């Protein structure tokens, strides 16, 4: 009986993981959603950084916002002009105009740089946090985490 419970839990976990991947892929392929979510997340993280001087990686809200920025970074690499225009418009709107016409080009460039980096540790943590409501332990000595956070801080620095 225990085996069947374990098997059922494993199947459920696989279904949840695959559905989260599908949702992430859909968000990255929808310029309106990807832009708005990334803009909101960037604005929220900028506020956290300004208020606290750091971004707490044990906060579920911060981790999920980091996941949204990473998804937005993937979307920022698209080349179809209509996609880029819609993404950009929604990025600005989602940020409450914290991202604006004078800094949006630099922000998108920063997102494209982020998309080319190893963001796997934070992306996995965001998925886990969204699925379980708990943030897995993250180490800033992990090169994936430190590189991602350095690039994110660079992007947030553009919003002054």
Foldseek 3Di string as FASTA:
>chain_A
DVVVVVVVVVVVVVVLVVVVVVVLVVQLVQLLNLLLLLLLLLLVVLVVCVVPVDQDLFDLSNLLSLLSLLSSLSSLPDDDVVSNVNNLVNNCVNNVNLPDPVQSVVLSVLSPVLNPAQLPVSNVQNSCCVVPVGGDDDDCVPCNNVVNRVSSVVSSVSSD
